[in-house]
Every structure is written in structure tokens, then in C-alpha cells.
Amino acid sequence: MEVGASQLRFLLIFPRFRYPSGDPPLGVAYLAAVLAQAGHEVDIFDATFERRPLEALERTLKQRAYDAIGISMLTSMLTDAAAVARVCREHSRAPIFLGGPHPTVDPAGALAIDGVDAVMIGEGERSIVQLAAAGGEYTAVPGMAYVRDGDVVLTGEPQLVQDLDDVPFPARGLLDMEQYMGLWYQLDAVRYGLRGTSILASRGCPFDCAYCQPTLRSIFGKRVRRRSPENIVAELVELKREYNPDGVMWLDDTFLLNKPWTIKLCDMMIEADLGIIWGCNIRVDLADHDVIEHMKRAGLRIVHVGIETASQRILDEVYHKGITVEQVRRTVAITHEMGLSVRGYFML
């Protein structure tokens, strides 16, 4: 990662006002980690557990002056992110940036929000470090959008991280991990009350499901990138030392896409013997008995399966899922035979 000529102070905001979840905002934590690695100061304002988030944000802005403010935004957070931008503009002169899935697919709409100076499009680790190196001047940083003379200007494609091992582990120390782990639910079907957290081993997906694409490709590009098993196990060791979780949930869309990689990762997890059980998302057309059995030996206890519907016509013509109902039946049967729990995703 690049190191800026001078140190900046960033405030990164995750405006989740409703429906607190046990899943921490890993995207924001990754951005904080790369900024800290590049020598900048970073605070995270996570609204997840704030009873009066806007008042708490006002106090934060009054206590410290920031050189740049970044707001992460899902579409479900649109109204709350707009309120956050307004409060930031009232109490800070720092440039305000929006990033995340919603600004990526609708930069013009995001730029219309009062107080927003620019939008960061797609994957943000390279862009935010370049932004910091430029002292917050965003017009020459690739992967940005801003308004000039009434028109939306795009500064070019964002630079993706080619080797994910170059990215430091998420800055979980800036989040309230005890609250997150207390609310965590991903392995409740295995045993209620397990403490755990989320982890990400890869980025991208090659499939064309209508409900994900082209948004997912807009964020992570066309190529699937994976961290090395060595890098992932090192993060698990750190997690065990710092937080002692009972389990983790892999958030990857395509955990089974590269079976040699999956088997090597499982071998290293077995060797590390950390006592962590886990779950992951799987596609039924990629699952087979041998690899799932190997995953179970490494700690797998639950699989999340994208079933979506029992109608082959809907799978083919509406969702473009690329799987069959028979593959769903076979995969669920395999996992049940092994004593694994199964959670199905459905769309109605």
C-alpha cells in the first residue's frame, strides 16, 4: 500500500440505524486498516449500537476535527446516510465521500444528497489510500465521481487490489466486537449462543444471477480473487488470540469454486487446530461429497444454500441461477447425511 506524504485524520461512518446485526461492517474495517497501514489516523463511527446515532455523531464531530469523512452506504441505508451527511456538513468542513454498493450503481443519485462532495466507486482500498496521499483532493484519484458545472464527472475505473494478501486484516479493534459477537447468530442452528464473527476469503463471483449482477461485478470486477490459505489462517489465529470466537462464518459467494484452494485451506485449518467451527455459503452445482466431508473435518457445521425457489422455470428464466432443483435435492441430502445443518435462502 502507498504511504501519503502527510498524515490525515479520517472518520469512516457506517450508518446502520435499524436492525442491529451480529455481522460487523468488514468493508469499513478494511478501509480503516489500509489507511492506518499508510500512516493515517482513522476513527470509525458505527451507528449499529447507538440509541441516538445523530446526537452521538454530533458529539464525535465536536470532539475531533477530521480531514476527510467517508460514509458507507447500502440502499437500505439511503435515508439514514443522507441524515449523516447533513450532520457532517453542519459540523465539519472536511470533504464528505460516499462509498459502497448504492453509490457504485447510482453515483449521480448519491451525489445529489446534500453535503456530499464525491463518491467512491467500487472496491475502495486503493482509491482511499490514493485519496489520502492526495491530501483529500479527489478529482485526480481513479474510481471517484463528482459534480462539475452541473455534470457528473467520472475519474476512471478504480484500481482493484490484485493480491488480497497485500490488504491488512480488518481493523476490528475500532469496532465494538463484544457487542457484535454477542448478537452473532450465524451458527445458531448448530448451537444457540455461540460467539463468533464474519470473515472474507475472496472477492468476486463468475456467475450471472440476476439479483446480484451486474452490481457485484461493478464492485469487485470480473475476476475472482482469493487470499492465500496461509494469510487466512493467520487471520484466524489473530481472531482466536484477540477475541476467542467459538465460530466464524465465511461471507464468500463462491467458497467452493476452486476445490484445490478449499482443500488446502481446510488442511491448514486442521493443522492449526484452533477449535473454531464454521459455516459458509455454497452453490449446489459445485458441491460434492468428498470436498464437503473434508470441510467437515476442518470444522464445517452449517452450509447456507441458495435455493431461491422450487420452480425450475423461475430459476432459469427469472433468476438466471444456473442450477437445477435436482442439484438442490442432492446437495441437501449429502449435507444431511453428514450431520451438517442447512440454511436455505429463498426469494418470494
Protein backbone atom coordinates (compact mmCIF):
# COMPACT_ATOMS: atom_id res chain seq x y z
CA MET A 1 0.00 0.00 0.00
CA GLU A 2 1.09 3.56 -0.69
CA VAL A 3 2.10 5.92 2.11
CA GLY A 4 0.97 9.53 1.93
CA ALA A 5 3.34 12.46 2.29
CA SER A 6 1.43 13.84 5.27
CA GLN A 7 -0.83 12.33 7.87
CA LEU A 8 -4.57 12.86 7.53
CA ARG A 9 -7.31 12.14 10.03
CA PHE A 10 -10.25 10.17 8.61
CA LEU A 11 -13.68 9.47 10.02
CA LEU A 12 -15.40 6.44 8.48
CA ILE A 13 -19.12 6.09 9.19
CA PHE A 14 -21.38 3.04 8.99
CA PRO A 15 -24.95 4.43 9.22
CA ARG A 16 -26.88 1.36 10.34
CA PHE A 17 -29.65 2.92 12.44
CA ARG A 18 -32.03 -0.05 12.48
CA TYR A 19 -31.94 -3.83 12.71
CA PRO A 20 -28.62 -4.30 14.53
CA SER A 21 -26.83 -7.41 13.33
CA GLY A 22 -24.02 -9.56 14.63
CA ASP A 23 -22.13 -9.04 11.38
CA PRO A 24 -19.59 -6.20 11.69
CA PRO A 25 -19.01 -3.86 8.71
CA LEU A 26 -15.92 -5.56 7.31
CA GLY A 27 -15.75 -3.21 4.31
CA VAL A 28 -15.34 -0.17 6.56
CA ALA A 29 -12.88 -2.06 8.78
CA TYR A 30 -10.75 -2.94 5.74
CA LEU A 31 -10.63 0.71 4.66
CA ALA A 32 -9.59 1.72 8.17
CA ALA A 33 -6.85 -0.90 8.12
CA VAL A 34 -5.30 0.26 4.84
CA LEU A 35 -5.41 3.91 5.95
CA ALA A 36 -3.70 3.07 9.22
CA GLN A 37 -1.11 1.00 7.35
CA ALA A 38 -0.40 4.04 5.17
CA GLY A 39 0.26 6.16 8.25
CA HIS A 40 -3.04 8.00 8.66
CA GLU A 41 -5.29 8.37 11.70
CA VAL A 42 -8.68 6.68 11.47
CA ASP A 43 -11.80 6.61 13.61
CA ILE A 44 -14.89 4.53 12.85
CA PHE A 45 -18.32 5.81 13.85
CA ASP A 46 -20.50 2.70 13.79
CA ALA A 47 -24.15 3.62 14.41
CA THR A 48 -25.24 -0.01 14.89
CA PHE A 49 -25.43 0.14 18.68
CA GLU A 50 -26.11 3.88 19.15
CA ARG A 51 -29.52 4.71 20.67
CA ARG A 52 -29.42 8.27 19.29
CA PRO A 53 -26.93 7.98 16.43
CA LEU A 54 -27.15 11.53 15.07
CA GLU A 55 -26.59 13.04 18.51
CA ALA A 56 -23.65 10.70 19.09
CA LEU A 57 -22.22 11.67 15.69
CA GLU A 58 -22.52 15.37 16.56
CA ARG A 59 -20.52 14.75 19.75
CA THR A 60 -17.85 12.91 17.78
CA LEU A 61 -17.51 15.75 15.26
CA LYS A 62 -17.30 18.35 18.03
CA GLN A 63 -14.60 16.42 19.88
CA ARG A 64 -12.21 15.99 16.94
CA ALA A 65 -11.50 17.72 13.64
CA TYR A 66 -11.22 15.48 10.58
CA ASP A 67 -9.54 15.98 7.21
CA ALA A 68 -11.92 13.66 5.35
CA ILE A 69 -15.18 11.85 6.11
CA GLY A 70 -16.31 8.65 4.39
CA ILE A 71 -19.84 7.25 4.67
CA SER A 72 -20.53 3.62 3.69
CA MET A 73 -23.97 3.09 2.19
CA LEU A 74 -26.24 0.22 1.30
CA THR A 75 -29.50 1.07 -0.46
CA SER A 76 -31.38 0.21 2.74
CA MET A 77 -29.36 2.96 4.49
CA LEU A 78 -30.14 5.71 1.97
CA THR A 79 -32.28 7.89 4.24
CA ASP A 80 -30.00 7.47 7.27
CA ALA A 81 -26.85 8.10 5.22
CA ALA A 82 -28.40 11.34 3.94
CA ALA A 83 -29.09 12.43 7.54
CA VAL A 84 -25.50 11.57 8.48
CA ALA A 85 -24.15 13.62 5.56
CA ARG A 86 -26.24 16.59 6.66
CA VAL A 87 -24.92 16.41 10.24
CA CYS A 88 -21.35 16.06 8.99
CA ARG A 89 -21.71 19.13 6.79
CA GLU A 90 -23.16 21.13 9.67
CA HIS A 91 -20.25 20.31 11.98
CA SER A 92 -17.25 19.81 9.69
CA ARG A 93 -15.55 21.47 6.74
CA ALA A 94 -13.91 18.21 5.68
CA PRO A 95 -14.79 16.76 2.25
CA ILE A 96 -17.51 14.12 2.55
CA PHE A 97 -17.42 10.96 0.45
CA LEU A 98 -19.98 8.21 -0.07
CA GLY A 99 -18.98 4.66 -0.90
CA GLY A 100 -20.47 1.18 -1.03
CA PRO A 101 -22.91 -0.71 -3.27
CA HIS A 102 -25.53 2.03 -3.66
CA PRO A 103 -23.18 4.87 -4.69
CA THR A 104 -21.41 2.43 -7.02
CA VAL A 105 -24.55 1.69 -9.04
CA ASP A 106 -26.09 5.17 -8.72
CA PRO A 107 -23.32 7.75 -8.38
CA ALA A 108 -25.50 10.57 -9.72
CA GLY A 109 -28.21 9.88 -7.15
CA ALA A 110 -25.66 9.66 -4.35
CA LEU A 111 -24.07 12.95 -5.41
CA ALA A 112 -27.49 14.63 -5.22
CA ILE A 113 -27.52 14.09 -1.44
CA ASP A 114 -26.94 17.37 0.39
CA GLY A 115 -23.44 17.71 1.79
CA VAL A 116 -21.80 15.02 -0.36
CA ASP A 117 -18.71 16.16 -2.25
CA ALA A 118 -17.77 12.99 -4.11
CA VAL A 119 -18.48 9.28 -4.47
CA MET A 120 -16.02 6.40 -4.32
CA ILE A 121 -16.99 3.73 -6.83
CA GLY A 122 -16.41 0.01 -6.38
CA GLU A 123 -13.69 -1.54 -4.26
CA GLY A 124 -12.20 1.21 -2.13
CA GLU A 125 -8.85 0.15 -0.64
CA ARG A 126 -6.65 1.54 -3.43
CA SER A 127 -8.82 4.61 -4.00
CA ILE A 128 -8.94 5.69 -0.37
CA VAL A 129 -5.17 5.40 0.09
CA GLN A 130 -4.62 7.41 -3.11
CA LEU A 131 -7.15 9.94 -1.86
CA ALA A 132 -5.24 10.27 1.40
CA ALA A 133 -1.93 10.62 -0.46
CA ALA A 134 -3.52 13.46 -2.47
CA GLY A 135 -4.49 15.28 0.73
CA GLY A 136 -8.19 14.66 0.13
CA GLU A 137 -8.15 16.13 -3.38
CA TYR A 138 -10.40 13.67 -5.20
CA THR A 139 -10.56 14.97 -8.79
CA ALA A 140 -7.42 13.10 -9.92
CA VAL A 141 -7.99 9.85 -7.99
CA PRO A 142 -9.22 6.92 -10.13
CA GLY A 143 -12.56 5.45 -9.09
CA MET A 144 -14.19 8.71 -7.98
CA ALA A 145 -17.26 10.62 -9.19
CA TYR A 146 -18.10 14.27 -8.51
CA VAL A 147 -20.17 17.10 -9.95
CA ARG A 148 -18.55 19.83 -12.06
CA ASP A 149 -20.63 22.56 -13.72
CA GLY A 150 -23.77 20.51 -13.16
CA ASP A 151 -22.43 17.34 -14.76
CA VAL A 152 -21.30 14.11 -13.09
CA VAL A 153 -17.59 13.53 -13.78
CA LEU A 154 -16.08 10.05 -13.50
CA THR A 155 -12.34 9.93 -12.87
CA GLY A 156 -11.86 6.45 -14.35
CA GLU A 157 -12.04 2.85 -13.21
CA PRO A 158 -10.98 2.13 -9.62
CA GLN A 159 -7.77 0.18 -9.17
CA LEU A 160 -8.52 -3.25 -7.73
CA VAL A 161 -6.21 -4.96 -5.27
CA GLN A 162 -4.62 -7.71 -7.34
CA ASP A 163 -3.14 -9.67 -4.43
CA LEU A 164 -5.55 -9.74 -1.50
CA ASP A 165 -2.72 -10.83 0.81
CA ASP A 166 -1.46 -7.24 0.49
CA VAL A 167 -4.53 -5.98 2.38
CA PRO A 168 -4.11 -5.92 6.18
CA PHE A 169 -6.69 -7.68 8.31
CA PRO A 170 -9.83 -5.64 9.07
CA ALA A 171 -9.40 -3.10 11.88
CA ARG A 172 -11.81 -4.90 14.19
CA GLY A 173 -10.25 -3.12 17.17
CA LEU A 174 -12.10 0.04 16.07
CA LEU A 175 -15.46 -1.75 16.35
CA ASP A 176 -17.43 -2.92 19.37
CA MET A 177 -16.62 -6.58 18.78
CA GLU A 178 -18.05 -7.76 22.10
CA GLN A 179 -21.49 -6.46 21.16
CA TYR A 180 -21.18 -7.89 17.66
CA MET A 181 -20.14 -11.30 18.92
CA GLY A 182 -22.94 -11.27 21.48
CA LEU A 183 -25.53 -10.68 18.72
CA TRP A 184 -23.98 -13.13 16.26
CA TYR A 185 -26.46 -15.71 15.03
CA GLN A 186 -24.86 -17.45 12.06
CA LEU A 187 -24.31 -20.78 13.86
CA ASP A 188 -27.49 -20.70 15.99
CA ALA A 189 -28.81 -23.68 14.05
CA VAL A 190 -25.77 -25.62 15.25
CA ARG A 191 -25.93 -24.49 18.87
CA TYR A 192 -27.66 -21.38 20.19
CA GLY A 193 -25.49 -18.74 21.85
CA LEU A 194 -22.18 -19.41 20.13
CA ARG A 195 -19.90 -16.36 19.97
CA GLY A 196 -18.44 -15.68 16.57
CA THR A 197 -17.88 -13.29 13.72
CA SER A 198 -17.63 -12.98 9.95
CA ILE A 199 -14.61 -13.40 7.72
CA LEU A 200 -13.96 -12.94 4.00
CA ALA A 201 -11.56 -15.10 1.99
CA SER A 202 -12.24 -13.97 -1.58
CA ARG A 203 -13.84 -11.29 -3.70
CA GLY A 204 -15.88 -11.58 -6.86
CA CYS A 205 -18.20 -14.11 -8.47
CA PRO A 206 -18.22 -15.52 -12.04
CA PHE A 207 -21.92 -16.35 -12.14
CA ASP A 208 -24.72 -14.25 -13.65
CA CYS A 209 -27.56 -14.49 -11.13
CA ALA A 210 -29.99 -11.67 -11.92
CA TYR A 211 -30.30 -10.48 -8.32
CA CYS A 212 -26.51 -9.93 -7.90
CA GLN A 213 -25.19 -8.94 -11.29
CA PRO A 214 -24.05 -6.57 -12.63
CA THR A 215 -23.75 -4.89 -9.21
CA LEU A 216 -21.32 -7.42 -7.74
CA ARG A 217 -19.13 -7.17 -10.84
CA SER A 218 -19.22 -3.37 -10.63
CA ILE A 219 -17.77 -3.55 -7.12
CA PHE A 220 -15.28 -6.42 -7.36
CA GLY A 221 -14.54 -6.71 -11.09
CA LYS A 222 -14.89 -9.72 -13.36
CA ARG A 223 -12.14 -11.91 -11.89
CA VAL A 224 -12.46 -13.88 -8.67
CA ARG A 225 -9.54 -13.11 -6.34
CA ARG A 226 -8.65 -15.26 -3.35
CA ARG A 227 -6.45 -14.76 -0.32
CA SER A 228 -3.84 -17.45 0.25
CA PRO A 229 -4.74 -20.15 2.79
CA GLU A 230 -1.66 -19.06 4.78
CA ASN A 231 -2.97 -15.48 5.02
CA ILE A 232 -6.44 -16.64 6.03
CA VAL A 233 -5.19 -18.97 8.76
CA ALA A 234 -3.01 -16.13 10.09
CA GLU A 235 -6.19 -14.05 10.47
CA LEU A 236 -7.93 -16.94 12.24
CA VAL A 237 -5.00 -17.19 14.65
CA GLU A 238 -5.27 -13.45 15.35
CA LEU A 239 -9.04 -13.71 15.83
CA LYS A 240 -8.58 -16.58 18.27
CA ARG A 241 -5.96 -14.64 20.24
CA GLU A 242 -7.86 -11.34 20.35
CA TYR A 243 -11.50 -12.45 20.66
CA ASN A 244 -11.59 -16.24 21.21
CA PRO A 245 -14.62 -16.92 18.98
CA ASP A 246 -16.44 -20.24 19.01
CA GLY A 247 -17.07 -19.97 15.29
CA VAL A 248 -16.82 -17.93 12.11
CA MET A 249 -18.97 -17.51 9.03
CA TRP A 250 -17.34 -17.15 5.62
CA LEU A 251 -19.19 -14.47 3.64
CA ASP A 252 -17.74 -15.54 0.28
CA ASP A 253 -20.18 -16.09 -2.59
CA THR A 254 -18.12 -18.90 -4.13
CA PHE A 255 -16.33 -20.76 -1.34
CA LEU A 256 -16.32 -24.00 -3.38
CA LEU A 257 -15.38 -22.54 -6.76
CA ASN A 258 -11.71 -23.61 -6.56
CA LYS A 259 -11.65 -27.02 -4.85
CA PRO A 260 -7.82 -27.37 -4.57
CA TRP A 261 -7.76 -24.00 -2.77
CA THR A 262 -10.63 -25.08 -0.50
CA ILE A 263 -8.93 -28.37 0.36
CA LYS A 264 -5.59 -26.67 1.10
CA LEU A 265 -7.32 -24.14 3.35
CA CYS A 266 -9.11 -26.94 5.20
CA ASP A 267 -5.84 -28.86 5.61
CA MET A 268 -4.19 -25.80 7.15
CA MET A 269 -7.16 -25.21 9.46
CA ILE A 270 -6.98 -28.83 10.62
CA GLU A 271 -3.26 -28.44 11.27
CA ALA A 272 -3.75 -25.14 13.16
CA ASP A 273 -6.29 -26.86 15.45
CA LEU A 274 -7.82 -23.59 16.68
CA GLY A 275 -11.06 -25.15 17.92
CA ILE A 276 -13.16 -22.89 15.67
CA ILE A 277 -16.24 -24.29 13.93
CA TRP A 278 -17.66 -22.54 10.89
CA GLY A 279 -20.24 -22.15 8.18
CA CYS A 280 -20.17 -20.97 4.57
CA ASN A 281 -22.31 -20.29 1.52
CA ILE A 282 -22.30 -22.99 -1.15
CA ARG A 283 -23.68 -23.38 -4.67
CA VAL A 284 -25.33 -26.73 -5.21
CA ASP A 285 -23.72 -27.24 -8.62
CA LEU A 286 -20.24 -27.04 -7.03
CA ALA A 287 -20.83 -29.30 -4.02
CA ASP A 288 -19.72 -32.92 -3.88
CA HIS A 289 -19.46 -35.48 -1.09
CA ASP A 290 -15.67 -35.65 -0.84
CA VAL A 291 -14.96 -31.93 -0.56
CA ILE A 292 -17.80 -31.34 1.92
CA GLU A 293 -16.56 -34.25 4.02
CA HIS A 294 -13.09 -32.65 4.04
CA MET A 295 -14.61 -29.32 5.06
CA LYS A 296 -16.43 -31.01 7.93
CA ARG A 297 -13.15 -32.41 9.26
CA ALA A 298 -11.84 -28.81 9.25
CA GLY A 299 -14.78 -27.55 11.35
CA LEU A 300 -17.68 -27.03 8.93
CA ARG A 301 -21.00 -27.36 10.78
CA ILE A 302 -23.55 -25.48 8.64
CA VAL A 303 -23.97 -24.67 4.96
CA HIS A 304 -26.06 -21.81 3.60
CA VAL A 305 -27.59 -22.86 0.29
CA GLY A 306 -29.00 -20.52 -2.35
CA ILE A 307 -32.15 -22.48 -3.20
CA GLU A 308 -34.24 -19.39 -4.14
CA THR A 309 -37.27 -21.33 -5.49
CA ALA A 310 -38.56 -24.84 -6.23
CA SER A 311 -39.56 -23.78 -9.76
CA GLN A 312 -37.04 -24.67 -12.44
CA ARG A 313 -38.65 -22.13 -14.76
CA ILE A 314 -38.10 -19.30 -12.26
CA LEU A 315 -34.52 -20.46 -11.63
CA ASP A 316 -33.80 -20.39 -15.36
CA GLU A 317 -35.88 -17.55 -16.78
CA VAL A 318 -36.04 -15.06 -13.91
CA TYR A 319 -33.06 -15.64 -11.61
CA HIS A 320 -30.57 -16.98 -14.22
CA LYS A 321 -29.19 -19.08 -11.36
CA GLY A 322 -27.60 -21.85 -13.41
CA ILE A 323 -28.65 -24.68 -11.08
CA THR A 324 -31.35 -27.35 -11.08
CA VAL A 325 -33.89 -28.34 -8.46
CA GLU A 326 -32.45 -31.85 -8.59
CA GLN A 327 -28.99 -30.47 -7.66
CA VAL A 328 -30.61 -28.78 -4.67
CA ARG A 329 -32.16 -32.07 -3.52
CA ARG A 330 -28.86 -33.91 -3.95
CA THR A 331 -26.77 -31.34 -2.07
CA VAL A 332 -29.22 -31.05 0.84
CA ALA A 333 -29.29 -34.84 1.10
CA ILE A 334 -25.46 -35.04 1.13
CA THR A 335 -25.14 -32.44 3.86
CA HIS A 336 -27.89 -34.01 5.99
CA GLU A 337 -26.24 -37.41 5.71
CA MET A 338 -23.08 -35.86 7.15
CA GLY A 339 -24.95 -34.36 10.09
CA LEU A 340 -24.50 -30.77 8.92
CA SER A 341 -27.13 -28.09 9.42
CA VAL A 342 -28.58 -26.48 6.31
CA ARG A 343 -29.97 -22.96 5.94
CA GLY A 344 -31.78 -22.25 2.69
CA TYR A 345 -32.04 -18.85 1.02
CA PHE A 346 -35.37 -18.28 -0.73
CA MET A 347 -36.82 -15.42 -2.78
CA LEU A 348 -40.57 -14.83 -2.77
